[in-house]
Amino acid sequence: MSEAAEKIDSGQREIVTFRIADQDYCIDIGLVREIRGWTPTTVLPQSPVYIKGVMNLRGTVLPVVDLAQRLGLGETEPDGRHVIIIAHLGSRTVGLLVEAVSDITSVPQSELKPTPDVASMDAKAFVEGVFTVDDHLIRVIDLKHILPHDEGDRE
């Protein structure tokens, strides 16, 4: 049996961990297409405030989401240390602006804890749950709620 199949059978979840607003978050590695250094984006008028702009990725124009601002943690002023995680969900591809990628690791799916009841409904929509890795809490981002919706989604 292949290593990937063994991990699926054993209930392992492969994640990419990253930092935003000095906090730890992650997404499933299967959603990550690539990780790139920060490059300036082209601002589009009337886009949601959490959209930093758009970038050209080998002929495909995609939005770049300021993940800190989208989560209500303040606007990011990107510099050369920041990175963009190119993520793919369904038919949509988006760049996620983060401070840094920390690690790629496997965690048991059984270790995923639900978002605490003290969190607002918005927080619960953005955060699928929490893993504990080496005594650090890592929030699992739910990209379905992070990505910009239809053209009528303005904030």
N, C-alpha and C. Protein backbone atom coordinates (compact mmCIF):
# COMPACT_ATOMS: atom_id res chain seq x y z
N MET A 1 0.86 -1.18 0.00
CA MET A 1 0.00 0.00 0.00
C MET A 1 0.90 1.24 0.00
N SER A 2 0.53 2.27 -0.76
CA SER A 2 1.34 3.48 -0.83
C SER A 2 1.28 4.24 0.49
N GLU A 3 2.28 5.12 0.70
CA GLU A 3 2.33 5.92 1.92
C GLU A 3 1.11 6.82 2.04
N ALA A 4 0.68 7.42 0.91
CA ALA A 4 -0.50 8.29 0.93
C ALA A 4 -1.75 7.50 1.30
N ALA A 5 -1.88 6.30 0.75
CA ALA A 5 -3.04 5.47 1.07
C ALA A 5 -3.03 5.06 2.53
N GLU A 6 -1.84 4.75 3.08
CA GLU A 6 -1.74 4.40 4.49
C GLU A 6 -2.19 5.55 5.38
N LYS A 7 -1.80 6.78 5.01
CA LYS A 7 -2.19 7.94 5.82
C LYS A 7 -3.69 8.14 5.79
N ILE A 8 -4.29 7.95 4.62
CA ILE A 8 -5.74 8.09 4.53
C ILE A 8 -6.41 7.01 5.38
N ASP A 9 -5.93 5.76 5.25
CA ASP A 9 -6.50 4.66 6.01
C ASP A 9 -6.33 4.87 7.51
N SER A 10 -5.22 5.48 7.92
CA SER A 10 -4.95 5.66 9.35
C SER A 10 -5.58 6.93 9.90
N GLY A 11 -6.34 7.68 9.09
CA GLY A 11 -7.02 8.87 9.57
C GLY A 11 -6.10 10.07 9.73
N GLN A 12 -4.99 10.08 9.01
CA GLN A 12 -4.07 11.21 9.07
C GLN A 12 -4.55 12.31 8.13
N ARG A 13 -4.30 13.53 8.53
CA ARG A 13 -4.65 14.69 7.71
C ARG A 13 -3.38 15.50 7.49
N GLU A 14 -3.00 15.69 6.23
CA GLU A 14 -1.79 16.45 5.93
C GLU A 14 -2.17 17.92 5.80
N ILE A 15 -1.43 18.77 6.54
CA ILE A 15 -1.74 20.19 6.59
C ILE A 15 -0.50 21.03 6.32
N VAL A 16 -0.74 22.24 5.85
CA VAL A 16 0.29 23.26 5.73
C VAL A 16 -0.02 24.29 6.81
N THR A 17 0.93 24.51 7.71
CA THR A 17 0.72 25.50 8.77
C THR A 17 1.40 26.81 8.38
N PHE A 18 0.79 27.91 8.81
CA PHE A 18 1.31 29.23 8.47
C PHE A 18 0.93 30.22 9.56
N ARG A 19 1.55 31.39 9.51
CA ARG A 19 1.32 32.44 10.50
C ARG A 19 0.62 33.62 9.85
N ILE A 20 -0.38 34.13 10.55
CA ILE A 20 -0.99 35.41 10.20
C ILE A 20 -1.27 36.12 11.51
N ALA A 21 -0.95 37.41 11.56
CA ALA A 21 -1.14 38.21 12.76
C ALA A 21 -0.53 37.51 13.98
N ASP A 22 0.65 36.93 13.80
CA ASP A 22 1.38 36.23 14.86
C ASP A 22 0.59 35.07 15.48
N GLN A 23 -0.28 34.45 14.70
CA GLN A 23 -1.06 33.31 15.16
C GLN A 23 -0.92 32.17 14.16
N ASP A 24 -1.15 30.94 14.62
CA ASP A 24 -0.96 29.75 13.79
C ASP A 24 -2.28 29.27 13.19
N TYR A 25 -2.25 29.03 11.88
CA TYR A 25 -3.40 28.53 11.14
C TYR A 25 -2.91 27.45 10.19
N CYS A 26 -3.86 26.73 9.58
CA CYS A 26 -3.48 25.73 8.59
C CYS A 26 -4.62 25.50 7.60
N ILE A 27 -4.25 24.88 6.47
CA ILE A 27 -5.22 24.37 5.51
C ILE A 27 -4.72 23.00 5.07
N ASP A 28 -5.60 22.20 4.51
CA ASP A 28 -5.21 20.89 3.99
C ASP A 28 -4.24 21.06 2.84
N ILE A 29 -3.21 20.24 2.82
CA ILE A 29 -2.18 20.33 1.78
C ILE A 29 -2.76 20.07 0.39
N GLY A 30 -3.82 19.29 0.31
CA GLY A 30 -4.44 19.00 -0.97
C GLY A 30 -5.02 20.24 -1.65
N LEU A 31 -5.25 21.30 -0.89
CA LEU A 31 -5.78 22.54 -1.44
C LEU A 31 -4.68 23.46 -1.96
N VAL A 32 -3.42 23.17 -1.58
CA VAL A 32 -2.31 24.05 -1.92
C VAL A 32 -1.72 23.65 -3.26
N ARG A 33 -1.68 24.62 -4.14
CA ARG A 33 -1.10 24.40 -5.46
C ARG A 33 0.39 24.76 -5.46
N GLU A 34 0.73 25.87 -4.81
CA GLU A 34 2.12 26.27 -4.67
C GLU A 34 2.24 27.38 -3.63
N ILE A 35 3.47 27.67 -3.24
CA ILE A 35 3.76 28.74 -2.30
C ILE A 35 4.77 29.67 -2.97
N ARG A 36 4.45 30.96 -3.00
CA ARG A 36 5.28 31.94 -3.70
C ARG A 36 5.65 33.08 -2.77
N GLY A 37 6.75 33.73 -3.07
CA GLY A 37 7.11 34.94 -2.35
C GLY A 37 6.14 36.06 -2.72
N TRP A 38 6.08 37.08 -1.86
CA TRP A 38 5.20 38.22 -2.10
C TRP A 38 5.63 38.97 -3.36
N THR A 39 4.67 39.30 -4.19
CA THR A 39 4.87 40.20 -5.31
C THR A 39 3.70 41.18 -5.29
N PRO A 40 3.95 42.43 -5.62
CA PRO A 40 2.85 43.41 -5.59
C PRO A 40 1.69 42.98 -6.49
N THR A 41 0.50 43.35 -6.08
CA THR A 41 -0.71 43.00 -6.82
C THR A 41 -1.26 44.23 -7.52
N THR A 42 -2.20 44.00 -8.42
CA THR A 42 -2.91 45.07 -9.10
C THR A 42 -4.26 45.23 -8.42
N VAL A 43 -4.51 46.43 -7.89
CA VAL A 43 -5.75 46.69 -7.17
C VAL A 43 -6.90 46.83 -8.15
N LEU A 44 -8.03 46.23 -7.81
CA LEU A 44 -9.25 46.38 -8.61
C LEU A 44 -10.24 47.25 -7.84
N PRO A 45 -10.82 48.25 -8.50
CA PRO A 45 -11.80 49.09 -7.79
C PRO A 45 -13.04 48.29 -7.41
N GLN A 46 -13.63 48.69 -6.30
CA GLN A 46 -14.89 48.11 -5.80
C GLN A 46 -14.79 46.65 -5.39
N SER A 47 -13.57 46.17 -5.12
CA SER A 47 -13.44 44.80 -4.63
C SER A 47 -13.56 44.83 -3.10
N PRO A 48 -13.87 43.69 -2.49
CA PRO A 48 -13.96 43.66 -1.02
C PRO A 48 -12.65 44.14 -0.39
N VAL A 49 -12.73 44.74 0.79
CA VAL A 49 -11.55 45.33 1.43
C VAL A 49 -10.46 44.30 1.72
N TYR A 50 -10.81 43.04 1.89
CA TYR A 50 -9.81 42.01 2.20
C TYR A 50 -9.11 41.47 0.95
N ILE A 51 -9.48 41.95 -0.23
CA ILE A 51 -8.79 41.55 -1.47
C ILE A 51 -7.65 42.55 -1.70
N LYS A 52 -6.41 42.06 -1.61
CA LYS A 52 -5.24 42.92 -1.82
C LYS A 52 -5.13 43.36 -3.26
N GLY A 53 -5.68 42.59 -4.15
CA GLY A 53 -5.61 42.87 -5.58
C GLY A 53 -5.61 41.56 -6.34
N VAL A 54 -5.14 41.61 -7.57
CA VAL A 54 -5.05 40.40 -8.39
C VAL A 54 -3.61 40.24 -8.85
N MET A 55 -3.25 39.00 -9.17
CA MET A 55 -1.92 38.72 -9.69
C MET A 55 -2.04 37.80 -10.89
N ASN A 56 -1.04 37.83 -11.73
CA ASN A 56 -0.98 36.98 -12.91
C ASN A 56 -0.09 35.79 -12.58
N LEU A 57 -0.67 34.61 -12.59
CA LEU A 57 0.08 33.38 -12.32
C LEU A 57 0.10 32.56 -13.61
N ARG A 58 1.17 32.68 -14.35
CA ARG A 58 1.34 31.94 -15.60
C ARG A 58 0.10 32.04 -16.50
N GLY A 59 -0.38 33.25 -16.69
CA GLY A 59 -1.50 33.48 -17.59
C GLY A 59 -2.87 33.45 -16.95
N THR A 60 -2.95 33.07 -15.68
CA THR A 60 -4.23 33.06 -14.96
C THR A 60 -4.24 34.22 -13.97
N VAL A 61 -5.26 35.05 -14.05
CA VAL A 61 -5.40 36.17 -13.12
C VAL A 61 -6.24 35.69 -11.94
N LEU A 62 -5.68 35.84 -10.72
CA LEU A 62 -6.39 35.36 -9.55
C LEU A 62 -6.34 36.39 -8.43
N PRO A 63 -7.40 36.40 -7.58
CA PRO A 63 -7.43 37.35 -6.47
C PRO A 63 -6.45 36.93 -5.37
N VAL A 64 -5.93 37.93 -4.65
CA VAL A 64 -5.07 37.68 -3.49
C VAL A 64 -5.82 38.20 -2.26
N VAL A 65 -6.13 37.28 -1.34
CA VAL A 65 -6.88 37.59 -0.13
C VAL A 65 -5.89 37.88 1.00
N ASP A 66 -6.05 39.04 1.64
CA ASP A 66 -5.30 39.35 2.86
C ASP A 66 -5.99 38.55 3.97
N LEU A 67 -5.42 37.41 4.29
CA LEU A 67 -6.07 36.49 5.22
C LEU A 67 -6.25 37.10 6.60
N ALA A 68 -5.30 37.90 7.06
CA ALA A 68 -5.45 38.55 8.37
C ALA A 68 -6.65 39.49 8.36
N GLN A 69 -6.77 40.29 7.32
CA GLN A 69 -7.90 41.22 7.25
C GLN A 69 -9.22 40.47 7.10
N ARG A 70 -9.22 39.40 6.32
CA ARG A 70 -10.45 38.61 6.13
C ARG A 70 -10.94 38.03 7.44
N LEU A 71 -9.99 37.67 8.32
CA LEU A 71 -10.35 37.09 9.62
C LEU A 71 -10.56 38.15 10.70
N GLY A 72 -10.47 39.43 10.33
CA GLY A 72 -10.71 40.50 11.30
C GLY A 72 -9.52 40.75 12.21
N LEU A 73 -8.30 40.42 11.76
CA LEU A 73 -7.10 40.56 12.59
C LEU A 73 -6.25 41.76 12.18
N GLY A 74 -6.78 42.64 11.35
CA GLY A 74 -6.05 43.82 10.90
C GLY A 74 -5.48 43.64 9.51
N GLU A 75 -5.21 44.76 8.86
CA GLU A 75 -4.69 44.74 7.50
C GLU A 75 -3.20 44.41 7.50
N THR A 76 -2.77 43.63 6.53
CA THR A 76 -1.37 43.26 6.37
C THR A 76 -0.69 44.26 5.45
N GLU A 77 0.47 44.75 5.86
CA GLU A 77 1.32 45.57 5.01
C GLU A 77 2.44 44.66 4.51
N PRO A 78 2.26 44.02 3.36
CA PRO A 78 3.20 43.00 2.92
C PRO A 78 4.58 43.56 2.58
N ASP A 79 5.59 42.74 2.83
CA ASP A 79 6.95 43.06 2.43
C ASP A 79 7.59 41.78 1.89
N GLY A 80 8.86 41.81 1.64
CA GLY A 80 9.55 40.67 1.02
C GLY A 80 9.53 39.40 1.83
N ARG A 81 9.20 39.46 3.12
CA ARG A 81 9.16 38.25 3.95
C ARG A 81 7.82 37.53 3.86
N HIS A 82 6.78 38.21 3.41
CA HIS A 82 5.46 37.60 3.31
C HIS A 82 5.42 36.62 2.13
N VAL A 83 4.47 35.69 2.20
CA VAL A 83 4.30 34.73 1.11
C VAL A 83 2.84 34.66 0.70
N ILE A 84 2.64 34.14 -0.49
CA ILE A 84 1.29 33.91 -1.00
C ILE A 84 1.14 32.41 -1.21
N ILE A 85 0.15 31.84 -0.55
CA ILE A 85 -0.19 30.43 -0.74
C ILE A 85 -1.23 30.39 -1.85
N ILE A 86 -0.92 29.72 -2.94
CA ILE A 86 -1.88 29.57 -4.04
C ILE A 86 -2.71 28.34 -3.71
N ALA A 87 -4.00 28.56 -3.48
CA ALA A 87 -4.90 27.48 -3.08
C ALA A 87 -5.97 27.29 -4.14
N HIS A 88 -6.41 26.06 -4.26
CA HIS A 88 -7.40 25.68 -5.26
C HIS A 88 -8.55 24.97 -4.55
N LEU A 89 -9.76 25.49 -4.73
CA LEU A 89 -10.94 24.88 -4.13
C LEU A 89 -12.01 24.80 -5.20
N GLY A 90 -12.34 23.58 -5.59
CA GLY A 90 -13.31 23.40 -6.68
C GLY A 90 -12.74 23.99 -7.95
N SER A 91 -13.49 24.88 -8.57
CA SER A 91 -13.03 25.51 -9.82
C SER A 91 -12.34 26.84 -9.57
N ARG A 92 -12.13 27.20 -8.30
CA ARG A 92 -11.58 28.51 -7.97
C ARG A 92 -10.14 28.40 -7.47
N THR A 93 -9.31 29.34 -7.92
CA THR A 93 -7.94 29.44 -7.46
C THR A 93 -7.76 30.83 -6.88
N VAL A 94 -7.08 30.91 -5.74
CA VAL A 94 -6.92 32.18 -5.03
C VAL A 94 -5.55 32.21 -4.36
N GLY A 95 -5.01 33.40 -4.19
CA GLY A 95 -3.79 33.58 -3.42
C GLY A 95 -4.15 34.00 -2.01
N LEU A 96 -3.49 33.42 -1.03
CA LEU A 96 -3.71 33.76 0.38
C LEU A 96 -2.45 34.42 0.90
N LEU A 97 -2.53 35.70 1.26
CA LEU A 97 -1.39 36.43 1.80
C LEU A 97 -1.22 36.06 3.27
N VAL A 98 -0.04 35.52 3.61
CA VAL A 98 0.27 35.13 4.99
C VAL A 98 1.67 35.64 5.35
N GLU A 99 1.98 35.67 6.67
CA GLU A 99 3.30 36.12 7.11
C GLU A 99 4.38 35.14 6.69
N ALA A 100 4.15 33.87 6.93
CA ALA A 100 5.15 32.84 6.61
C ALA A 100 4.50 31.47 6.68
N VAL A 101 5.02 30.55 5.89
CA VAL A 101 4.62 29.15 6.00
C VAL A 101 5.54 28.52 7.03
N SER A 102 4.95 27.82 8.00
CA SER A 102 5.72 27.26 9.11
C SER A 102 6.15 25.83 8.87
N ASP A 103 5.21 24.98 8.41
CA ASP A 103 5.51 23.55 8.36
C ASP A 103 4.50 22.84 7.47
N ILE A 104 4.87 21.66 7.05
CA ILE A 104 3.95 20.72 6.41
C ILE A 104 4.01 19.48 7.28
N THR A 105 2.87 19.05 7.78
CA THR A 105 2.87 17.95 8.74
C THR A 105 1.62 17.11 8.60
N SER A 106 1.63 15.95 9.23
CA SER A 106 0.45 15.09 9.30
C SER A 106 -0.05 15.07 10.74
N VAL A 107 -1.35 15.16 10.89
CA VAL A 107 -1.96 15.11 12.21
C VAL A 107 -3.13 14.13 12.15
N PRO A 108 -3.39 13.43 13.23
CA PRO A 108 -4.53 12.51 13.23
C PRO A 108 -5.85 13.29 13.13
N GLN A 109 -6.71 12.90 12.23
CA GLN A 109 -8.01 13.55 12.08
C GLN A 109 -8.77 13.53 13.40
N SER A 110 -8.56 12.51 14.20
CA SER A 110 -9.25 12.39 15.49
C SER A 110 -8.84 13.49 16.47
N GLU A 111 -7.72 14.18 16.19
CA GLU A 111 -7.25 15.26 17.07
C GLU A 111 -7.93 16.60 16.78
N LEU A 112 -8.72 16.68 15.70
CA LEU A 112 -9.41 17.93 15.38
C LEU A 112 -10.50 18.18 16.41
N LYS A 113 -10.39 19.29 17.10
CA LYS A 113 -11.40 19.69 18.10
C LYS A 113 -12.29 20.76 17.50
N PRO A 114 -13.58 20.76 17.86
CA PRO A 114 -14.48 21.77 17.31
C PRO A 114 -14.11 23.18 17.79
N THR A 115 -14.50 24.17 17.00
CA THR A 115 -14.30 25.56 17.40
C THR A 115 -15.09 25.79 18.68
N PRO A 116 -14.47 26.36 19.73
CA PRO A 116 -15.17 26.54 21.01
C PRO A 116 -16.44 27.36 20.88
N ASP A 117 -17.40 27.10 21.75
CA ASP A 117 -18.69 27.79 21.72
C ASP A 117 -18.56 29.28 22.02
N VAL A 118 -17.44 29.72 22.61
CA VAL A 118 -17.28 31.13 22.91
C VAL A 118 -17.02 31.95 21.65
N ALA A 119 -16.69 31.29 20.55
CA ALA A 119 -16.41 31.99 19.30
C ALA A 119 -17.71 32.46 18.67
N SER A 120 -17.64 33.58 17.95
CA SER A 120 -18.82 34.09 17.26
C SER A 120 -19.17 33.17 16.10
N MET A 121 -20.35 33.35 15.55
CA MET A 121 -20.76 32.54 14.40
C MET A 121 -19.84 32.80 13.21
N ASP A 122 -19.37 34.06 13.05
CA ASP A 122 -18.44 34.36 11.96
C ASP A 122 -17.14 33.58 12.16
N ALA A 123 -16.63 33.56 13.38
CA ALA A 123 -15.38 32.82 13.66
C ALA A 123 -15.58 31.34 13.38
N LYS A 124 -16.72 30.81 13.77
CA LYS A 124 -16.99 29.39 13.52
C LYS A 124 -17.11 29.09 12.03
N ALA A 125 -17.57 30.07 11.25
CA ALA A 125 -17.68 29.86 9.80
C ALA A 125 -16.29 29.80 9.17
N PHE A 126 -15.36 30.63 9.65
CA PHE A 126 -14.02 30.69 9.08
C PHE A 126 -13.10 29.59 9.59
N VAL A 127 -13.33 29.13 10.82
CA VAL A 127 -12.45 28.15 11.45
C VAL A 127 -13.20 26.84 11.64
N GLU A 128 -12.72 25.82 10.94
CA GLU A 128 -13.35 24.49 10.98
C GLU A 128 -13.16 23.81 12.33
N GLY A 129 -12.02 24.05 12.95
CA GLY A 129 -11.69 23.43 14.23
C GLY A 129 -10.26 23.76 14.60
N VAL A 130 -9.74 23.05 15.61
CA VAL A 130 -8.42 23.35 16.14
C VAL A 130 -7.65 22.05 16.35
N PHE A 131 -6.38 22.04 15.93
CA PHE A 131 -5.45 20.95 16.23
C PHE A 131 -4.47 21.44 17.28
N THR A 132 -4.00 20.53 18.13
CA THR A 132 -2.89 20.84 19.03
C THR A 132 -1.67 20.11 18.50
N VAL A 133 -0.63 20.87 18.14
CA VAL A 133 0.61 20.31 17.62
C VAL A 133 1.75 20.90 18.45
N ASP A 134 2.49 20.05 19.14
CA ASP A 134 3.61 20.51 19.98
C ASP A 134 3.19 21.63 20.92
N ASP A 135 2.09 21.45 21.60
CA ASP A 135 1.56 22.42 22.57
C ASP A 135 1.13 23.75 21.96
N HIS A 136 0.98 23.82 20.64
CA HIS A 136 0.46 25.01 19.97
C HIS A 136 -0.92 24.70 19.41
N LEU A 137 -1.83 25.63 19.56
CA LEU A 137 -3.14 25.48 18.94
C LEU A 137 -3.06 26.01 17.52
N ILE A 138 -3.48 25.20 16.58
CA ILE A 138 -3.47 25.58 15.17
C ILE A 138 -4.89 25.53 14.66
N ARG A 139 -5.38 26.68 14.23
CA ARG A 139 -6.75 26.76 13.72
C ARG A 139 -6.80 26.30 12.27
N VAL A 140 -7.81 25.51 11.94
CA VAL A 140 -7.99 24.99 10.59
C VAL A 140 -8.94 25.93 9.84
N ILE A 141 -8.42 26.56 8.79
CA ILE A 141 -9.20 27.50 7.99
C ILE A 141 -10.16 26.74 7.07
N ASP A 142 -11.41 27.20 7.01
CA ASP A 142 -12.40 26.65 6.08
C ASP A 142 -12.43 27.57 4.85
N LEU A 143 -11.74 27.18 3.80
CA LEU A 143 -11.61 28.04 2.62
C LEU A 143 -12.94 28.37 1.96
N LYS A 144 -13.94 27.51 2.11
CA LYS A 144 -15.24 27.79 1.48
C LYS A 144 -15.79 29.14 1.95
N HIS A 145 -15.51 29.50 3.20
CA HIS A 145 -16.03 30.76 3.74
C HIS A 145 -15.05 31.92 3.59
N ILE A 146 -13.79 31.63 3.37
CA ILE A 146 -12.76 32.66 3.22
C ILE A 146 -12.79 33.27 1.83
N LEU A 147 -12.99 32.44 0.83
CA LEU A 147 -12.92 32.90 -0.55
C LEU A 147 -14.03 33.89 -0.85
N PRO A 148 -13.72 34.87 -1.70
CA PRO A 148 -14.77 35.82 -2.10
C PRO A 148 -15.92 35.07 -2.77
N HIS A 149 -17.12 35.53 -2.50
CA HIS A 149 -18.30 34.92 -3.10
C HIS A 149 -18.59 35.59 -4.43
N ASP A 150 -19.83 35.60 -4.80
CA ASP A 150 -20.24 36.21 -6.06
C ASP A 150 -19.96 37.69 -6.05
N GLU A 151 -20.12 38.31 -7.22
CA GLU A 151 -19.84 39.73 -7.39
C GLU A 151 -20.59 40.59 -6.39
N GLY A 152 -21.69 40.14 -5.85
CA GLY A 152 -22.46 40.93 -4.90
C GLY A 152 -21.84 40.96 -3.51
N ASP A 153 -20.78 40.23 -3.26
CA ASP A 153 -20.15 40.16 -1.95
C ASP A 153 -19.19 41.34 -1.77
N ARG A 154 -19.67 42.40 -1.22
CA ARG A 154 -18.85 43.59 -0.96
C ARG A 154 -18.85 43.86 0.53
N GLU A 155 -17.67 44.18 1.06
CA GLU A 155 -17.60 44.53 2.48
C GLU A 155 -16.95 45.88 2.63
